[in-house]
């Protein structure tokens, strides 16, 4: 039996804020590395680096890997949903859209989590406030993508809307992964095991694609900046990030953990503007504001505050 979604305590909020800082840097790191490293090779390096760090920590602590087939099947599915699919889609999209915009679109993850949870999780049903938040968030996404979504009809570039749609597909994968990952708590598996082994499983999927499609051994040696970005992705965004992710998921639930995605865009936007020379249009700011209102309605804290104040 699972615990219903609830407001997080101070410790969980602290972990969530820390996680948002770790993950906001991933958009910055990817924006730098993707200029020199193809997407499958980049994702493989990130996943494998993070998995090796976490597996080394498990070995140092003497934590044994599970032997049950059900656990390894769950690690594989979680790696596919939470790593391989979304990392590949977002990495490709950042060849075509700014990192700040990618992070804003990524903030729609809780919206899909709320929607999917209504049908598969009896303890996280859709309420009127959550429905209002979902509609506001979807409107925000429409504003973010803007009229260029239909540019191809007039001879525009199809990639203009395929790239943001790829990020949205990634967020749906994240949402399904968060709901699927609740089973680790029921199975009695401590959070560090799926944090490490989902990355190991996902890298086993991405490595053949990188070797067959990109031939990384034929590519020029990446610059020190690109190598540092790959190291940052492995250590901070993957190893430390997913160690926190599964700890919060186990205690606060799928809907709460995915609120982290709204905390990510401000930092990612500032990094993109300050170091990558990116800029955002007014429609992007308006879309982020609508998504923020949607997430506030889904979370419910602001509404409860005003009710108490009255």
C-alpha atoms as a PDB file:
ATOM      1  CA  UNK A   1       0.000   0.000   0.000  1.00  0.00           C
ATOM      2  CA  UNK A   2       1.347   3.426  -0.948  1.00  0.00           C
ATOM      3  CA  UNK A   3       1.198   6.695   0.921  1.00  0.00           C
ATOM      4  CA  UNK A   4      -1.084   9.349  -0.615  1.00  0.00           C
ATOM      5  CA  UNK A   5       0.581  12.410  -2.090  1.00  0.00           C
ATOM      6  CA  UNK A   6       1.092  15.041   0.634  1.00  0.00           C
ATOM      7  CA  UNK A   7       2.869  18.339   1.185  1.00  0.00           C
ATOM      8  CA  UNK A   8       6.575  17.736   1.695  1.00  0.00           C
ATOM      9  CA  UNK A   9       8.371  18.481   4.932  1.00  0.00           C
ATOM     10  CA  UNK A  10      11.338  20.844   5.261  1.00  0.00           C
ATOM     11  CA  UNK A  11      13.938  18.111   4.700  1.00  0.00           C
ATOM     12  CA  UNK A  12      12.215  16.886   1.538  1.00  0.00           C
ATOM     13  CA  UNK A  13      11.926  20.441   0.211  1.00  0.00           C
ATOM     14  CA  UNK A  14      15.627  20.946   0.916  1.00  0.00           C
ATOM     15  CA  UNK A  15      16.482  17.792  -1.024  1.00  0.00           C
ATOM     16  CA  UNK A  16      14.174  18.864  -3.849  1.00  0.00           C
ATOM     17  CA  UNK A  17      15.856  22.284  -4.097  1.00  0.00           C
ATOM     18  CA  UNK A  18      19.278  20.611  -4.135  1.00  0.00           C
ATOM     19  CA  UNK A  19      18.107  18.240  -6.851  1.00  0.00           C
ATOM     20  CA  UNK A  20      16.847  21.164  -8.933  1.00  0.00           C
ATOM     21  CA  UNK A  21      20.304  22.757  -8.823  1.00  0.00           C
ATOM     22  CA  UNK A  22      21.969  19.503  -9.871  1.00  0.00           C
ATOM     23  CA  UNK A  23      19.556  18.930 -12.741  1.00  0.00           C
ATOM     24  CA  UNK A  24      19.395  22.515 -13.971  1.00  0.00           C
ATOM     25  CA  UNK A  25      23.104  22.208 -14.712  1.00  0.00           C
ATOM     26  CA  UNK A  26      22.415  19.257 -17.013  1.00  0.00           C
ATOM     27  CA  UNK A  27      20.880  21.538 -19.665  1.00  0.00           C
ATOM     28  CA  UNK A  28      23.965  23.752 -19.480  1.00  0.00           C
ATOM     29  CA  UNK A  29      26.370  20.801 -19.657  1.00  0.00           C
ATOM     30  CA  UNK A  30      24.478  19.215 -22.569  1.00  0.00           C
ATOM     31  CA  UNK A  31      24.403  22.520 -24.489  1.00  0.00           C
ATOM     32  CA  UNK A  32      28.219  22.626 -24.319  1.00  0.00           C
ATOM     33  CA  UNK A  33      28.971  18.941 -24.943  1.00  0.00           C
ATOM     34  CA  UNK A  34      26.442  18.413 -27.753  1.00  0.00           C
ATOM     35  CA  UNK A  35      28.468  20.777 -29.980  1.00  0.00           C
ATOM     36  CA  UNK A  36      31.268  18.209 -30.141  1.00  0.00           C
ATOM     37  CA  UNK A  37      29.828  14.874 -28.964  1.00  0.00           C
ATOM     38  CA  UNK A  38      26.967  13.134 -30.849  1.00  0.00           C
ATOM     39  CA  UNK A  39      23.813  12.519 -28.857  1.00  0.00           C
ATOM     40  CA  UNK A  40      24.079   8.732 -28.309  1.00  0.00           C
ATOM     41  CA  UNK A  41      27.728   8.984 -27.300  1.00  0.00           C
ATOM     42  CA  UNK A  42      26.917  11.889 -24.971  1.00  0.00           C
ATOM     43  CA  UNK A  43      24.063  10.030 -23.266  1.00  0.00           C
ATOM     44  CA  UNK A  44      26.162   6.864 -22.945  1.00  0.00           C
ATOM     45  CA  UNK A  45      29.040   8.777 -21.331  1.00  0.00           C
ATOM     46  CA  UNK A  46      26.663  10.484 -18.910  1.00  0.00           C
ATOM     47  CA  UNK A  47      24.865   7.285 -17.912  1.00  0.00           C
ATOM     48  CA  UNK A  48      27.936   5.096 -17.672  1.00  0.00           C
ATOM     49  CA  UNK A  49      29.875   7.708 -15.709  1.00  0.00           C
ATOM     50  CA  UNK A  50      27.081   8.176 -13.196  1.00  0.00           C
ATOM     51  CA  UNK A  51      26.442   4.437 -12.878  1.00  0.00           C
ATOM     52  CA  UNK A  52      30.127   3.641 -12.256  1.00  0.00           C
ATOM     53  CA  UNK A  53      30.323   6.297  -9.528  1.00  0.00           C
ATOM     54  CA  UNK A  54      27.220   4.969  -7.767  1.00  0.00           C
ATOM     55  CA  UNK A  55      28.229   1.313  -8.188  1.00  0.00           C
ATOM     56  CA  UNK A  56      31.625   2.124  -6.669  1.00  0.00           C
ATOM     57  CA  UNK A  57      29.842   3.713  -3.712  1.00  0.00           C
ATOM     58  CA  UNK A  58      27.663   0.609  -3.299  1.00  0.00           C
ATOM     59  CA  UNK A  59      30.754  -1.612  -3.335  1.00  0.00           C
ATOM     60  CA  UNK A  60      32.503   0.611  -0.769  1.00  0.00           C
ATOM     61  CA  UNK A  61      29.477   0.395   1.518  1.00  0.00           C
ATOM     62  CA  UNK A  62      29.207  -3.363   1.015  1.00  0.00           C
ATOM     63  CA  UNK A  63      25.673  -3.154  -0.395  1.00  0.00           C
ATOM     64  CA  UNK A  64      24.868  -6.231  -2.426  1.00  0.00           C
ATOM     65  CA  UNK A  65      22.961  -6.179  -5.676  1.00  0.00           C
ATOM     66  CA  UNK A  66      19.595  -7.982  -5.676  1.00  0.00           C
ATOM     67  CA  UNK A  67      19.391 -11.386  -7.308  1.00  0.00           C
ATOM     68  CA  UNK A  68      15.668 -11.494  -8.049  1.00  0.00           C
ATOM     69  CA  UNK A  69      14.643 -11.314 -11.686  1.00  0.00           C
ATOM     70  CA  UNK A  70      11.747  -8.975 -10.807  1.00  0.00           C
ATOM     71  CA  UNK A  71      14.179  -6.392  -9.419  1.00  0.00           C
ATOM     72  CA  UNK A  72      16.446  -6.447 -12.481  1.00  0.00           C
ATOM     73  CA  UNK A  73      13.453  -6.227 -14.815  1.00  0.00           C
ATOM     74  CA  UNK A  74      12.328  -3.150 -12.873  1.00  0.00           C
ATOM     75  CA  UNK A  75      15.826  -1.623 -13.126  1.00  0.00           C
ATOM     76  CA  UNK A  76      15.797  -2.178 -16.884  1.00  0.00           C
ATOM     77  CA  UNK A  77      12.359  -0.621 -17.404  1.00  0.00           C
ATOM     78  CA  UNK A  78      13.254   2.287 -15.114  1.00  0.00           C
ATOM     79  CA  UNK A  79      16.486   2.890 -17.022  1.00  0.00           C
ATOM     80  CA  UNK A  80      14.563   2.925 -20.287  1.00  0.00           C
ATOM     81  CA  UNK A  81      11.841   5.305 -19.052  1.00  0.00           C
ATOM     82  CA  UNK A  82      13.900   7.555 -16.799  1.00  0.00           C
ATOM     83  CA  UNK A  83      17.216   7.677 -18.665  1.00  0.00           C
ATOM     84  CA  UNK A  84      17.586   6.256 -22.156  1.00  0.00           C
ATOM     85  CA  UNK A  85      14.438   7.661 -23.781  1.00  0.00           C
ATOM     86  CA  UNK A  86      14.309  11.146 -22.199  1.00  0.00           C
ATOM     87  CA  UNK A  87      18.071  11.779 -22.261  1.00  0.00           C
ATOM     88  CA  UNK A  88      18.231  10.877 -25.941  1.00  0.00           C
ATOM     89  CA  UNK A  89      15.233  13.025 -26.884  1.00  0.00           C
ATOM     90  CA  UNK A  90      16.342  16.069 -24.878  1.00  0.00           C
ATOM     91  CA  UNK A  91      19.930  15.745 -26.080  1.00  0.00           C
ATOM     92  CA  UNK A  92      18.776  15.745 -29.703  1.00  0.00           C
ATOM     93  CA  UNK A  93      16.400  18.657 -29.134  1.00  0.00           C
ATOM     94  CA  UNK A  94      19.170  20.847 -27.716  1.00  0.00           C
ATOM     95  CA  UNK A  95      20.784  20.826 -31.145  1.00  0.00           C
ATOM     96  CA  UNK A  96      17.829  22.911 -32.276  1.00  0.00           C
ATOM     97  CA  UNK A  97      16.378  24.879 -29.319  1.00  0.00           C
ATOM     98  CA  UNK A  98      17.971  26.901 -26.462  1.00  0.00           C
ATOM     99  CA  UNK A  99      18.742  25.113 -23.207  1.00  0.00           C
ATOM    100  CA  UNK A 100      16.442  27.522 -21.347  1.00  0.00           C
ATOM    101  CA  UNK A 101      13.482  26.622 -23.549  1.00  0.00           C
ATOM    102  CA  UNK A 102      14.245  22.910 -23.145  1.00  0.00           C
ATOM    103  CA  UNK A 103      14.219  23.339 -19.359  1.00  0.00           C
ATOM    104  CA  UNK A 104      10.861  25.156 -19.468  1.00  0.00           C
ATOM    105  CA  UNK A 105       9.284  22.401 -21.544  1.00  0.00           C
ATOM    106  CA  UNK A 106      10.817  19.912 -19.128  1.00  0.00           C
ATOM    107  CA  UNK A 107       8.807  21.635 -16.370  1.00  0.00           C
ATOM    108  CA  UNK A 108       5.629  20.085 -17.751  1.00  0.00           C
ATOM    109  CA  UNK A 109       6.612  16.696 -16.288  1.00  0.00           C
ATOM    110  CA  UNK A 110       4.354  17.062 -13.181  1.00  0.00           C
ATOM    111  CA  UNK A 111       1.383  17.825 -15.421  1.00  0.00           C
ATOM    112  CA  UNK A 112       1.693  14.484 -17.183  1.00  0.00           C
ATOM    113  CA  UNK A 113       2.415  12.749 -13.880  1.00  0.00           C
ATOM    114  CA  UNK A 114      -0.848  14.063 -12.426  1.00  0.00           C
ATOM    115  CA  UNK A 115      -2.780  12.995 -15.517  1.00  0.00           C
ATOM    116  CA  UNK A 116      -1.288   9.500 -15.713  1.00  0.00           C
ATOM    117  CA  UNK A 117      -1.492   8.974 -11.945  1.00  0.00           C
ATOM    118  CA  UNK A 118      -5.250   9.497 -12.034  1.00  0.00           C
ATOM    119  CA  UNK A 119      -5.617   6.309 -14.059  1.00  0.00           C
ATOM    120  CA  UNK A 120      -2.973   4.079 -12.456  1.00  0.00           C
ATOM    121  CA  UNK A 121      -2.538   5.266  -8.848  1.00  0.00           C
ATOM    122  CA  UNK A 122      -5.560   5.131  -6.543  1.00  0.00           C
ATOM    123  CA  UNK A 123      -3.830   7.402  -4.017  1.00  0.00           C
ATOM    124  CA  UNK A 124      -3.095  10.242  -6.486  1.00  0.00           C
ATOM    125  CA  UNK A 125      -6.462  10.978  -8.105  1.00  0.00           C
ATOM    126  CA  UNK A 126      -7.167  14.030 -10.235  1.00  0.00           C
ATOM    127  CA  UNK A 127      -8.928  16.772  -8.219  1.00  0.00           C
ATOM    128  CA  UNK A 128     -10.605  19.952  -9.579  1.00  0.00           C
ATOM    129  CA  UNK A 129      -7.544  21.985  -8.538  1.00  0.00           C
ATOM    130  CA  UNK A 130      -5.229  19.525 -10.267  1.00  0.00           C
ATOM    131  CA  UNK A 131      -7.429  19.578 -13.381  1.00  0.00           C
ATOM    132  CA  UNK A 132      -7.246  23.383 -13.444  1.00  0.00           C
ATOM    133  CA  UNK A 133      -3.481  23.156 -13.074  1.00  0.00           C
ATOM    134  CA  UNK A 134      -3.280  20.613 -15.877  1.00  0.00           C
ATOM    135  CA  UNK A 135      -5.239  22.857 -18.248  1.00  0.00           C
ATOM    136  CA  UNK A 136      -3.122  25.899 -17.331  1.00  0.00           C
ATOM    137  CA  UNK A 137       0.035  23.897 -17.925  1.00  0.00           C
ATOM    138  CA  UNK A 138      -1.118  22.629 -21.308  1.00  0.00           C
ATOM    139  CA  UNK A 139      -1.988  26.201 -22.305  1.00  0.00           C
ATOM    140  CA  UNK A 140       1.497  27.215 -21.184  1.00  0.00           C
ATOM    141  CA  UNK A 141       3.022  24.590 -23.451  1.00  0.00           C
ATOM    142  CA  UNK A 142       0.957  25.877 -26.379  1.00  0.00           C
ATOM    143  CA  UNK A 143       2.180  29.419 -25.706  1.00  0.00           C
ATOM    144  CA  UNK A 144       5.774  28.199 -25.398  1.00  0.00           C
ATOM    145  CA  UNK A 145       5.810  26.407 -28.738  1.00  0.00           C
ATOM    146  CA  UNK A 146       3.881  29.213 -30.418  1.00  0.00           C
ATOM    147  CA  UNK A 147       2.758  29.556 -34.050  1.00  0.00           C
ATOM    148  CA  UNK A 148       6.022  28.154 -35.364  1.00  0.00           C
ATOM    149  CA  UNK A 149       4.565  24.755 -34.483  1.00  0.00           C
ATOM    150  CA  UNK A 150       2.731  24.972 -37.823  1.00  0.00           C
ATOM    151  CA  UNK A 151       5.512  26.633 -39.822  1.00  0.00           C
ATOM    152  CA  UNK A 152       6.115  23.521 -41.917  1.00  0.00           C
ATOM    153  CA  UNK A 153       2.705  23.984 -43.555  1.00  0.00           C
ATOM    154  CA  UNK A 154       3.996  27.179 -45.129  1.00  0.00           C
ATOM    155  CA  UNK A 155       7.327  25.740 -46.107  1.00  0.00           C
ATOM    156  CA  UNK A 156       9.105  26.263 -42.789  1.00  0.00           C
ATOM    157  CA  UNK A 157      11.487  23.921 -41.020  1.00  0.00           C
ATOM    158  CA  UNK A 158       9.840  20.830 -39.611  1.00  0.00           C
ATOM    159  CA  UNK A 159      12.452  20.773 -36.852  1.00  0.00           C
ATOM    160  CA  UNK A 160      11.027  24.048 -35.488  1.00  0.00           C
ATOM    161  CA  UNK A 161       8.303  22.067 -33.776  1.00  0.00           C
ATOM    162  CA  UNK A 162       9.779  18.569 -33.722  1.00  0.00           C
ATOM    163  CA  UNK A 163      12.458  19.674 -31.235  1.00  0.00           C
ATOM    164  CA  UNK A 164      10.052  20.990 -28.563  1.00  0.00           C
ATOM    165  CA  UNK A 165       7.767  18.017 -29.151  1.00  0.00           C
ATOM    166  CA  UNK A 166      10.734  15.721 -28.471  1.00  0.00           C
ATOM    167  CA  UNK A 167      11.183  17.361 -25.064  1.00  0.00           C
ATOM    168  CA  UNK A 168       7.479  16.927 -24.315  1.00  0.00           C
ATOM    169  CA  UNK A 169       7.709  13.248 -25.241  1.00  0.00           C
ATOM    170  CA  UNK A 170      10.667  12.987 -22.866  1.00  0.00           C
ATOM    171  CA  UNK A 171       8.604  14.530 -20.047  1.00  0.00           C
ATOM    172  CA  UNK A 172       5.890  11.935 -20.604  1.00  0.00           C
ATOM    173  CA  UNK A 173       8.556   9.246 -20.260  1.00  0.00           C
ATOM    174  CA  UNK A 174       9.757  10.858 -17.018  1.00  0.00           C
ATOM    175  CA  UNK A 175       6.178  10.880 -15.688  1.00  0.00           C
ATOM    176  CA  UNK A 176       5.634   7.201 -16.442  1.00  0.00           C
ATOM    177  CA  UNK A 177       9.046   6.435 -14.937  1.00  0.00           C
ATOM    178  CA  UNK A 178       8.201   8.224 -11.679  1.00  0.00           C
ATOM    179  CA  UNK A 179       4.981   6.245 -11.315  1.00  0.00           C
ATOM    180  CA  UNK A 180       6.728   2.996 -12.223  1.00  0.00           C
ATOM    181  CA  UNK A 181       9.548   3.719  -9.761  1.00  0.00           C
ATOM    182  CA  UNK A 182       7.162   3.685  -6.791  1.00  0.00           C
ATOM    183  CA  UNK A 183       7.427  -0.106  -6.838  1.00  0.00           C
ATOM    184  CA  UNK A 184      10.999  -0.034  -5.480  1.00  0.00           C
ATOM    185  CA  UNK A 185       9.722   1.209  -2.131  1.00  0.00           C
ATOM    186  CA  UNK A 186       7.117  -1.576  -2.023  1.00  0.00           C
ATOM    187  CA  UNK A 187       9.820  -4.125  -2.936  1.00  0.00           C
ATOM    188  CA  UNK A 188      11.956  -2.974  -0.004  1.00  0.00           C
ATOM    189  CA  UNK A 189      14.843  -1.857  -2.263  1.00  0.00           C
ATOM    190  CA  UNK A 190      16.844   1.000  -0.803  1.00  0.00           C
ATOM    191  CA  UNK A 191      17.017   4.129  -3.007  1.00  0.00           C
ATOM    192  CA  UNK A 192      20.719   3.915  -3.922  1.00  0.00           C
ATOM    193  CA  UNK A 193      20.264   0.595  -5.755  1.00  0.00           C
ATOM    194  CA  UNK A 194      17.838   1.805  -8.455  1.00  0.00           C
ATOM    195  CA  UNK A 195      19.785   5.069  -8.674  1.00  0.00           C
ATOM    196  CA  UNK A 196      22.872   3.095  -9.684  1.00  0.00           C
ATOM    197  CA  UNK A 197      21.439   0.158 -11.575  1.00  0.00           C
ATOM    198  CA  UNK A 198      18.915   2.029 -13.738  1.00  0.00           C
ATOM    199  CA  UNK A 199      21.871   3.949 -15.185  1.00  0.00           C
ATOM    200  CA  UNK A 200      23.781   0.726 -15.750  1.00  0.00           C
ATOM    201  CA  UNK A 201      20.822  -0.804 -17.593  1.00  0.00           C
ATOM    202  CA  UNK A 202      20.216   2.352 -19.641  1.00  0.00           C
ATOM    203  CA  UNK A 203      23.876   2.624 -20.660  1.00  0.00           C
ATOM    204  CA  UNK A 204      23.738  -1.000 -21.881  1.00  0.00           C
ATOM    205  CA  UNK A 205      20.960   0.145 -24.233  1.00  0.00           C
ATOM    206  CA  UNK A 206      22.649   3.321 -25.434  1.00  0.00           C
ATOM    207  CA  UNK A 207      26.192   1.980 -25.887  1.00  0.00           C
ATOM    208  CA  UNK A 208      25.379  -0.255 -28.908  1.00  0.00           C
ATOM    209  CA  UNK A 209      23.540   2.641 -30.572  1.00  0.00           C
ATOM    210  CA  UNK A 210      26.538   4.936 -30.041  1.00  0.00           C
ATOM    211  CA  UNK A 211      28.998   2.352 -31.389  1.00  0.00           C
ATOM    212  CA  UNK A 212      26.924   1.366 -34.424  1.00  0.00           C
ATOM    213  CA  UNK A 213      25.586   4.771 -35.463  1.00  0.00           C
ATOM    214  CA  UNK A 214      28.214   7.288 -34.402  1.00  0.00           C
ATOM    215  CA  UNK A 215      31.571   5.403 -34.381  1.00  0.00           C
ATOM    216  CA  UNK A 216      32.910   7.525 -31.507  1.00  0.00           C
ATOM    217  CA  UNK A 217      36.471   6.208 -31.932  1.00  0.00           C
ATOM    218  CA  UNK A 218      36.639   8.086 -35.266  1.00  0.00           C
ATOM    219  CA  UNK A 219      35.634  11.449 -33.768  1.00  0.00           C
ATOM    220  CA  UNK A 220      38.123  14.170 -32.789  1.00  0.00           C
ATOM    221  CA  UNK A 221      39.063  14.378 -29.128  1.00  0.00           C
ATOM    222  CA  UNK A 222      36.534  16.675 -27.396  1.00  0.00           C
ATOM    223  CA  UNK A 223      37.780  19.968 -25.998  1.00  0.00           C
ATOM    224  CA  UNK A 224      38.489  20.380 -22.267  1.00  0.00           C
ATOM    225  CA  UNK A 225      35.169  22.247 -21.935  1.00  0.00           C
ATOM    226  CA  UNK A 226      33.232  19.361 -23.483  1.00  0.00           C
ATOM    227  CA  UNK A 227      35.064  16.773 -21.349  1.00  0.00           C
ATOM    228  CA  UNK A 228      34.369  18.821 -18.210  1.00  0.00           C
ATOM    229  CA  UNK A 229      30.691  18.979 -19.195  1.00  0.00           C
ATOM    230  CA  UNK A 230      30.565  15.190 -19.622  1.00  0.00           C
ATOM    231  CA  UNK A 231      32.156  14.801 -16.183  1.00  0.00           C
ATOM    232  CA  UNK A 232      29.600  17.206 -14.710  1.00  0.00           C
ATOM    233  CA  UNK A 233      26.758  15.263 -16.280  1.00  0.00           C
ATOM    234  CA  UNK A 234      28.027  11.981 -14.844  1.00  0.00           C
ATOM    235  CA  UNK A 235      28.885  13.172 -11.341  1.00  0.00           C
ATOM    236  CA  UNK A 236      26.347  15.882 -10.562  1.00  0.00           C
ATOM    237  CA  UNK A 237      23.368  15.393 -12.876  1.00  0.00           C
ATOM    238  CA  UNK A 238      23.362  11.586 -12.823  1.00  0.00           C
ATOM    239  CA  UNK A 239      25.145  10.141  -9.774  1.00  0.00           C
ATOM    240  CA  UNK A 240      24.231  12.704  -7.118  1.00  0.00           C
ATOM    241  CA  UNK A 241      20.987  13.690  -8.835  1.00  0.00           C
ATOM    242  CA  UNK A 242      19.459  10.228  -8.981  1.00  0.00           C
ATOM    243  CA  UNK A 243      20.631   9.335  -5.492  1.00  0.00           C
ATOM    244  CA  UNK A 244      18.471  12.243  -4.282  1.00  0.00           C
ATOM    245  CA  UNK A 245      15.678  11.482  -6.763  1.00  0.00           C
ATOM    246  CA  UNK A 246      14.976   7.983  -5.477  1.00  0.00           C
ATOM    247  CA  UNK A 247      15.255   9.079  -1.856  1.00  0.00           C
ATOM    248  CA  UNK A 248      12.593  11.760  -2.374  1.00  0.00           C
ATOM    249  CA  UNK A 249      10.434   9.428  -4.494  1.00  0.00           C
ATOM    250  CA  UNK A 250      10.401   6.836  -1.718  1.00  0.00           C
ATOM    251  CA  UNK A 251       9.216   9.311   0.923  1.00  0.00           C
ATOM    252  CA  UNK A 252       7.168  11.945  -0.923  1.00  0.00           C
ATOM    253  CA  UNK A 253       5.657  10.207  -3.970  1.00  0.00           C
ATOM    254  CA  UNK A 254       5.655  10.598  -7.746  1.00  0.00           C
ATOM    255  CA  UNK A 255       3.703  13.860  -7.985  1.00  0.00           C
ATOM    256  CA  UNK A 256       5.877  15.626  -5.413  1.00  0.00           C
ATOM    257  CA  UNK A 257       9.202  14.477  -6.852  1.00  0.00           C
ATOM    258  CA  UNK A 258       8.323  15.782 -10.304  1.00  0.00           C
ATOM    259  CA  UNK A 259       7.680  19.280  -8.927  1.00  0.00           C
ATOM    260  CA  UNK A 260      11.472  19.577  -9.187  1.00  0.00           C
ATOM    261  CA  UNK A 261      11.107  20.255 -12.889  1.00  0.00           C
ATOM    262  CA  UNK A 262       9.538  23.659 -12.262  1.00  0.00           C
ATOM    263  CA  UNK A 263      12.437  24.658 -10.024  1.00  0.00           C
ATOM    264  CA  UNK A 264      14.918  23.900 -12.816  1.00  0.00           C
ATOM    265  CA  UNK A 265      14.113  26.499 -15.553  1.00  0.00           C
ATOM    266  CA  UNK A 266      15.177  29.714 -13.753  1.00  0.00           C
ATOM    267  CA  UNK A 267      18.714  28.417 -13.137  1.00  0.00           C
ATOM    268  CA  UNK A 268      18.964  26.795 -16.566  1.00  0.00           C
ATOM    269  CA  UNK A 269      17.799  30.001 -18.243  1.00  0.00           C
ATOM    270  CA  UNK A 270      20.334  32.131 -16.341  1.00  0.00           C
ATOM    271  CA  UNK A 271      23.147  29.719 -17.254  1.00  0.00           C
ATOM    272  CA  UNK A 272      22.119  29.761 -20.926  1.00  0.00           C
ATOM    273  CA  UNK A 273      21.890  33.541 -21.080  1.00  0.00           C
ATOM    274  CA  UNK A 274      25.033  34.199 -19.031  1.00  0.00           C
ATOM    275  CA  UNK A 275      27.392  31.643 -20.596  1.00  0.00           C
ATOM    276  CA  UNK A 276      25.905  30.461 -23.900  1.00  0.00           C
ATOM    277  CA  UNK A 277      24.641  33.728 -25.363  1.00  0.00           C
ATOM    278  CA  UNK A 278      21.060  32.453 -25.529  1.00  0.00           C
ATOM    279  CA  UNK A 279      17.910  34.559 -25.334  1.00  0.00           C
ATOM    280  CA  UNK A 280      14.241  33.852 -24.742  1.00  0.00           C
ATOM    281  CA  UNK A 281      11.230  35.464 -26.400  1.00  0.00           C
ATOM    282  CA  UNK A 282       8.372  37.000 -24.358  1.00  0.00           C
ATOM    283  CA  UNK A 283       6.175  34.034 -25.301  1.00  0.00           C
ATOM    284  CA  UNK A 284       8.593  31.736 -23.451  1.00  0.00           C
ATOM    285  CA  UNK A 285       8.326  33.787 -20.253  1.00  0.00           C
ATOM    286  CA  UNK A 286       4.521  33.857 -20.579  1.00  0.00           C
ATOM    287  CA  UNK A 287       4.440  30.118 -21.127  1.00  0.00           C
ATOM    288  CA  UNK A 288       6.609  29.516 -18.062  1.00  0.00           C
ATOM    289  CA  UNK A 289       4.289  31.702 -15.971  1.00  0.00           C
ATOM    290  CA  UNK A 290       1.268  29.655 -17.050  1.00  0.00           C
ATOM    291  CA  UNK A 291       3.096  26.420 -16.285  1.00  0.00           C
ATOM    292  CA  UNK A 292       3.987  27.849 -12.870  1.00  0.00           C
ATOM    293  CA  UNK A 293       0.335  28.631 -12.145  1.00  0.00           C
ATOM    294  CA  UNK A 294      -0.572  25.108 -13.202  1.00  0.00           C
ATOM    295  CA  UNK A 295       1.999  23.534 -10.918  1.00  0.00           C
ATOM    296  CA  UNK A 296       0.922  25.769  -8.027  1.00  0.00           C
ATOM    297  CA  UNK A 297      -2.658  24.563  -8.491  1.00  0.00           C
ATOM    298  CA  UNK A 298      -1.514  20.937  -8.657  1.00  0.00           C
ATOM    299  CA  UNK A 299       0.593  21.288  -5.526  1.00  0.00           C
ATOM    300  CA  UNK A 300      -2.273  22.967  -3.656  1.00  0.00           C
ATOM    301  CA  UNK A 301      -0.197  24.819  -1.068  1.00  0.00           C
ATOM    302  CA  UNK A 302      -0.934  28.292  -2.431  1.00  0.00           C
ATOM    303  CA  UNK A 303      -4.675  27.633  -2.557  1.00  0.00           C
ATOM    304  CA  UNK A 304      -4.675  26.325   1.012  1.00  0.00           C
ATOM    305  CA  UNK A 305      -2.718  29.388   2.134  1.00  0.00           C
ATOM    306  CA  UNK A 306      -5.316  31.789   0.732  1.00  0.00           C
ATOM    307  CA  UNK A 307      -8.131  29.786   2.272  1.00  0.00           C
ATOM    308  CA  UNK A 308      -6.471  30.032   5.675  1.00  0.00           C
ATOM    309  CA  UNK A 309      -5.758  33.737   5.206  1.00  0.00           C
ATOM    310  CA  UNK A 310      -9.441  34.411   4.562  1.00  0.00           C
END
